[in-house]
Protein backbone atom coordinates (compact mmCIF):
# COMPACT_ATOMS: atom_id res chain seq x y z
CA MET A 1 66.96 -31.35 19.24
CA SER A 2 63.89 -32.61 17.46
CA ASP A 3 60.80 -30.40 17.31
CA ASP A 4 58.88 -33.34 18.73
CA ILE A 5 61.06 -33.72 21.86
CA ALA A 6 60.30 -31.69 24.95
CA PRO A 7 63.13 -29.40 26.27
CA ASP A 8 63.54 -31.58 29.38
CA GLY A 9 64.36 -34.63 27.25
CA GLY A 10 60.96 -36.28 27.75
CA ASN A 11 58.87 -37.81 25.01
CA ASP A 12 55.99 -35.29 25.17
CA PRO A 13 55.92 -33.17 21.96
CA VAL A 14 56.45 -29.43 22.19
CA SER A 15 53.12 -27.61 21.96
CA PRO A 16 52.84 -24.93 19.25
CA VAL A 17 50.40 -23.09 21.54
CA ASN A 18 51.56 -21.02 24.46
CA ALA A 19 49.80 -21.02 27.84
CA ASP A 20 47.88 -17.82 26.96
CA GLY A 21 46.52 -19.34 23.76
CA SER A 22 48.89 -17.53 21.41
CA PHE A 23 51.02 -19.48 18.95
CA ALA A 24 54.70 -20.17 19.56
CA GLU A 25 57.27 -18.53 17.35
CA ASN A 26 57.76 -20.19 13.94
CA TRP A 27 55.00 -22.68 14.72
CA THR A 28 53.96 -22.97 11.08
CA GLU A 29 57.33 -24.16 9.74
CA LYS A 30 56.61 -27.85 10.28
CA TYR A 31 53.62 -27.64 7.91
CA GLY A 32 55.69 -26.87 4.83
CA ASP A 33 55.59 -24.20 2.12
CA ASP A 34 51.79 -24.12 1.95
CA SER A 35 51.54 -22.97 5.55
CA ALA A 36 51.87 -19.24 4.80
CA THR A 37 48.10 -18.68 5.12
CA LEU A 38 48.32 -19.93 8.70
CA LEU A 39 50.25 -16.84 9.69
CA ARG A 40 47.02 -14.81 9.68
CA PHE A 41 45.94 -16.66 12.81
CA LYS A 42 47.45 -15.09 15.92
CA ASP A 43 46.01 -17.53 18.46
CA PHE A 44 44.41 -20.94 18.79
CA ASP A 45 40.85 -19.61 19.23
CA SER A 46 40.89 -17.70 15.92
CA LEU A 47 42.08 -20.84 14.10
CA VAL A 48 39.36 -23.00 15.64
CA ASN A 49 36.60 -20.43 15.03
CA THR A 50 37.58 -20.11 11.36
CA HIS A 51 37.61 -23.86 10.97
CA MET A 52 34.15 -24.20 12.53
CA GLU A 53 32.75 -21.44 10.33
CA GLN A 54 34.01 -23.24 7.22
CA ARG A 55 32.44 -26.45 8.46
CA ARG A 56 29.10 -24.70 8.88
CA LYS A 57 29.27 -23.38 5.32
CA PHE A 58 30.16 -26.74 3.85
CA GLY A 59 27.34 -28.28 5.80
CA LYS A 60 24.72 -26.23 3.92
CA ASN A 61 22.83 -27.16 0.75
CA PRO A 62 25.37 -27.02 -2.13
CA ASP A 63 22.75 -25.29 -4.33
CA THR A 64 22.90 -22.27 -2.03
CA LEU A 65 26.69 -21.94 -2.22
CA VAL A 66 27.56 -19.87 -5.27
CA GLU A 67 30.56 -17.96 -6.49
CA MET A 68 30.26 -14.18 -6.61
CA PRO A 69 30.90 -13.28 -10.26
CA ASN A 70 33.17 -10.59 -11.68
CA ASP A 71 33.64 -9.22 -15.18
CA GLU A 72 35.68 -12.25 -16.23
CA SER A 73 33.28 -14.87 -14.82
CA SER A 74 31.65 -17.40 -17.11
CA ASP A 75 27.96 -17.22 -18.06
CA LYS A 76 27.40 -20.30 -15.90
CA VAL A 77 28.78 -18.56 -12.80
CA LYS A 78 26.73 -15.43 -13.51
CA ALA A 79 23.58 -17.49 -14.06
CA ALA A 80 24.09 -19.34 -10.76
CA TRP A 81 24.52 -16.02 -8.95
CA SER A 82 21.32 -14.61 -10.51
CA LYS A 83 19.38 -17.72 -9.52
CA ALA A 84 20.62 -17.46 -5.93
CA LEU A 85 19.44 -13.84 -5.81
CA GLY A 86 15.95 -14.91 -6.83
CA ARG A 87 15.84 -13.36 -10.29
CA PRO A 88 13.25 -14.98 -12.62
CA GLU A 89 14.64 -16.92 -15.56
CA THR A 90 13.11 -14.50 -18.08
CA ASN A 91 11.93 -10.92 -17.65
CA ASP A 92 8.31 -11.72 -18.59
CA LEU A 93 7.98 -13.76 -15.39
CA TYR A 94 8.02 -10.63 -13.20
CA GLU A 95 4.51 -10.06 -11.81
CA TYR A 96 2.88 -6.92 -10.46
CA LYS A 97 -0.67 -5.76 -9.73
CA LEU A 98 -1.48 -2.11 -9.11
CA SER A 99 -3.63 -1.59 -6.03
CA ASP A 100 -7.21 -0.37 -6.46
CA GLU A 101 -6.35 2.85 -4.62
CA HIS A 102 -3.44 3.62 -6.93
CA THR A 103 -5.46 2.65 -10.01
CA THR A 104 -8.11 5.19 -9.02
CA LYS A 105 -5.56 7.99 -8.76
CA LEU A 106 -3.06 7.04 -11.46
CA GLY A 107 -5.12 5.13 -13.99
CA PRO A 108 -4.13 1.77 -15.53
CA MET A 109 -0.47 0.93 -16.01
CA SER A 110 1.15 1.31 -19.42
CA GLU A 111 2.10 -2.13 -20.71
CA THR A 112 4.86 -0.58 -22.81
CA LYS A 113 6.46 0.99 -19.73
CA MET A 114 5.96 -2.20 -17.73
CA THR A 115 7.75 -4.25 -20.40
CA ALA A 116 10.66 -1.82 -20.39
CA PHE A 117 10.85 -1.91 -16.59
CA ARG A 118 10.83 -5.73 -16.57
CA GLU A 119 13.81 -5.69 -18.93
CA PHE A 120 15.60 -3.17 -16.73
CA ALA A 121 14.94 -5.18 -13.54
CA HIS A 122 16.14 -8.40 -15.19
CA GLY A 123 19.33 -6.70 -16.30
CA GLN A 124 19.93 -5.54 -12.72
CA ASN A 125 19.48 -9.08 -11.32
CA TRP A 126 16.45 -8.00 -9.30
CA SER A 127 14.35 -10.59 -7.54
CA GLN A 128 10.54 -10.64 -7.81
CA LYS A 129 10.37 -9.04 -4.35
CA GLN A 130 12.72 -6.20 -5.33
CA PHE A 131 10.79 -5.65 -8.57
CA ALA A 132 7.45 -5.31 -6.76
CA ALA A 133 8.93 -3.15 -3.98
CA ALA A 134 10.38 -0.67 -6.50
CA LEU A 135 7.04 -0.31 -8.28
CA ASP A 136 5.16 0.06 -4.99
CA PHE A 137 7.51 2.86 -3.96
CA TYR A 138 7.13 4.62 -7.33
CA HIS A 139 3.32 4.45 -7.40
CA THR A 140 2.98 5.50 -3.76
CA SER A 141 5.20 8.50 -4.46
CA MET A 142 3.19 9.46 -7.56
CA ALA A 143 -0.13 9.15 -5.69
CA GLY A 144 1.26 11.27 -2.87
CA ASP A 145 2.24 13.99 -5.35
CA ILE A 146 -1.30 14.01 -6.74
CA ASP A 147 -2.80 14.29 -3.26
CA ALA A 148 -0.44 17.13 -2.39
CA ALA A 149 -1.24 18.93 -5.64
CA ASP A 150 -4.97 18.50 -5.06
CA ILE A 151 -4.71 19.87 -1.52
CA SER A 152 -2.65 22.79 -2.78
CA PHE A 153 -5.15 23.46 -5.56
CA ASN A 154 -8.09 23.36 -3.14
CA GLU A 155 -6.36 25.66 -0.68
CA GLN A 156 -5.43 28.15 -3.40
CA TYR A 157 -8.93 27.98 -4.87
CA ALA A 158 -10.52 28.63 -1.48
CA ALA A 159 -8.12 31.51 -0.78
CA ASN A 160 -8.86 33.12 -4.15
CA GLN A 161 -12.61 32.73 -3.65
CA ALA A 162 -12.48 34.29 -0.17
CA THR A 163 -10.44 37.23 -1.45
CA GLY A 164 -12.76 37.73 -4.42
CA MET A 165 -15.91 37.57 -2.33
CA ALA A 166 -14.48 40.08 0.12
CA GLU A 167 -13.77 42.46 -2.75
CA LEU A 168 -17.27 41.89 -4.13
CA LYS A 169 -18.92 42.70 -0.80
CA ALA A 170 -16.75 45.79 -0.41
CA GLU A 171 -17.86 46.98 -3.84
CA TRP A 172 -21.55 46.15 -3.55
CA LEU A 173 -21.94 46.92 0.17
CA ASP A 174 -25.56 46.25 1.17
CA GLY A 175 -27.55 43.72 -0.82
CA THR A 176 -24.57 41.54 -1.78
CA ASP A 177 -26.23 38.27 -0.75
CA ASP A 178 -29.40 39.07 -2.70
CA ARG A 179 -27.44 39.91 -5.83
CA ILE A 180 -25.43 36.67 -5.53
CA LEU A 181 -28.66 34.68 -5.24
CA ARG A 182 -30.06 36.53 -8.25
CA ALA A 183 -26.93 35.83 -10.30
CA ASN A 184 -27.00 32.11 -9.45
CA SER A 185 -30.67 31.87 -10.33
CA VAL A 186 -29.89 33.31 -13.78
CA MET A 187 -27.18 30.70 -14.23
CA ARG A 188 -29.54 27.85 -13.34
CA LYS A 189 -32.40 29.19 -15.42
CA TYR A 190 -30.34 29.14 -18.61
CA GLY A 191 -28.51 25.86 -17.98
CA GLY A 192 -25.11 27.33 -17.20
CA GLU A 193 -24.32 25.14 -14.19
CA GLU A 194 -22.36 22.45 -16.05
CA ALA A 195 -20.31 25.00 -17.97
CA VAL A 196 -19.54 26.97 -14.80
CA ALA A 197 -18.59 23.78 -12.94
CA GLU A 198 -16.33 22.63 -15.78
CA LEU A 199 -14.54 25.97 -15.63
CA CYS A 200 -14.32 25.74 -11.83
CA ALA A 201 -16.07 29.13 -11.72
CA GLU A 202 -18.91 28.40 -9.33
CA ASN A 203 -19.06 31.22 -6.74
CA ASN A 204 -16.27 32.95 -8.65
CA PRO A 205 -16.65 36.73 -8.11
CA LYS A 206 -15.99 37.53 -11.77
CA MET A 207 -18.62 35.03 -12.88
CA ILE A 208 -21.07 36.40 -10.32
CA LYS A 209 -20.49 39.93 -11.64
CA PHE A 210 -21.07 38.72 -15.19
CA LEU A 211 -24.35 37.04 -14.25
CA ASP A 212 -25.36 40.02 -12.14
CA ASN A 213 -24.93 42.25 -15.20
CA ILE A 214 -27.22 39.96 -17.16
CA ALA A 215 -29.76 39.95 -14.34
CA GLY A 216 -29.58 43.74 -14.13
CA ALA A 217 -30.50 44.00 -17.80
CA MET A 218 -33.64 41.93 -17.28
CA GLY A 219 -36.97 43.29 -16.27
CA GLU A 220 -38.26 42.58 -12.79
CA ASP A 221 -41.19 40.63 -14.21
CA THR A 222 -38.77 38.33 -16.05
CA LEU A 223 -36.72 37.72 -12.91
CA LYS A 224 -39.81 36.91 -10.88
CA GLY A 225 -40.48 34.08 -13.26
CA PHE A 226 -37.53 32.02 -12.07
CA ARG A 227 -36.36 33.48 -8.78
CA GLY A 228 -37.57 32.16 -5.46
CA THR A 229 -38.20 28.45 -5.46
CA SER A 230 -34.95 27.70 -7.30
CA GLU A 231 -32.85 29.79 -4.93
CA LEU A 232 -30.44 27.96 -2.66
CA ASP A 233 -31.76 29.72 0.43
CA THR A 234 -33.98 26.94 1.75
CA LYS A 235 -33.20 23.54 3.20
CA SER A 236 -35.15 21.74 0.51
CA GLY A 237 -33.48 23.78 -2.22
CA ILE A 238 -30.00 22.96 -0.90
CA LYS A 239 -30.84 19.25 -0.62
CA ALA A 240 -32.11 19.26 -4.18
CA LYS A 241 -28.89 20.85 -5.41
CA VAL A 242 -26.76 18.37 -3.42
CA ASN A 243 -28.65 15.46 -4.98
CA GLU A 244 -28.22 17.00 -8.42
CA ASN A 245 -24.47 17.29 -7.82
CA ARG A 246 -24.29 13.69 -6.60
CA ALA A 247 -26.07 12.45 -9.70
CA ARG A 248 -23.57 14.22 -11.94
CA MET A 249 -20.64 12.94 -9.83
CA GLY A 250 -21.98 9.42 -10.22
CA ALA A 251 -22.10 9.86 -13.98
CA ILE A 252 -18.48 11.05 -14.02
CA MET A 253 -17.40 8.04 -11.94
CA LYS A 254 -19.14 5.75 -14.41
CA GLU A 255 -17.53 7.47 -17.40
CA ASN A 256 -14.04 7.44 -15.88
CA PRO A 257 -13.85 4.86 -13.04
CA ALA A 258 -10.04 4.77 -13.04
CA ASN A 259 -9.35 8.47 -12.55
CA TYR A 260 -12.60 10.26 -11.74
CA ARG A 261 -10.99 12.08 -8.81
CA GLY A 262 -8.71 13.88 -11.24
CA ASP A 263 -11.65 15.24 -13.23
CA PRO A 264 -11.97 19.05 -12.72
CA GLU A 265 -15.77 18.92 -12.83
CA PHE A 266 -15.87 16.13 -10.22
CA ARG A 267 -13.61 18.11 -7.87
CA GLU A 268 -15.74 21.24 -8.32
CA LEU A 269 -18.96 19.35 -7.60
CA ASP A 270 -17.37 17.84 -4.50
CA ARG A 271 -16.33 21.30 -3.28
CA SER A 272 -19.79 22.65 -4.11
CA ASN A 273 -21.47 20.03 -1.95
CA THR A 274 -19.14 20.83 0.93
CA GLU A 275 -20.17 24.50 0.76
CA LEU A 276 -23.84 23.58 0.40
CA TYR A 277 -23.73 21.49 3.55
CA LYS A 278 -22.16 24.42 5.39
CA ALA A 279 -25.00 26.68 4.23
CA MET A 280 -27.74 24.19 5.17
CA PRO A 281 -30.23 25.89 7.56
CA ALA A 282 -30.51 24.23 10.97
């Protein structure tokens, strides 16, 4: 009996599809030796869906259909794949601009390192978007590390100062505040403020002891010549010192606009102003 004749002898061809949508046994034989790939389809729906998916792919722009390369692929295939990924033709076409915030903390980018990174990105078939995203992640991470280190430094500095001052008060007992004021007035009188700030030693107990020893060796008449109006125990005196600190901070910013926040003197002046505001009389 012919495959095209129905079992009841009629002229209707035998369907290769069963009532439940599955294929009849040996349904691929009539399509010849090249029909082996059809065996992967178990029912009519899977065959149709695959066919429609292929039609959708062939219906797209041919420029977007590329072969995925392997180690044996030609340079042409590899170039087409790179173009489809969005990689620039040459590595010098990668563009990146460091944000103002990151420039302030990290300083300007090294062109030597940027050139090397462009070459690396090009070799990895990175698109412009991937290139910029990687650099953004790196710089954000670096800036975060600096912020964390600065916070840790400030916290440790404050803890050390508090411990030192407590020890100083325990040693000196009564009159501690007066002796601290006297020590600071000696420092200002002889122009030691910048040096102390650069060493991050302002309000440092050891520095205060050193200055107190100098003050103790002076006569009372000598001390009267510069104590009083220069002491930071009045509102006007504190304001004057704050303005002095601000002026120096402004100079540092002008000298090093890219990384002034990393300058030890700038950080110390900033901390000093914070403490001065806390001590401001009501």
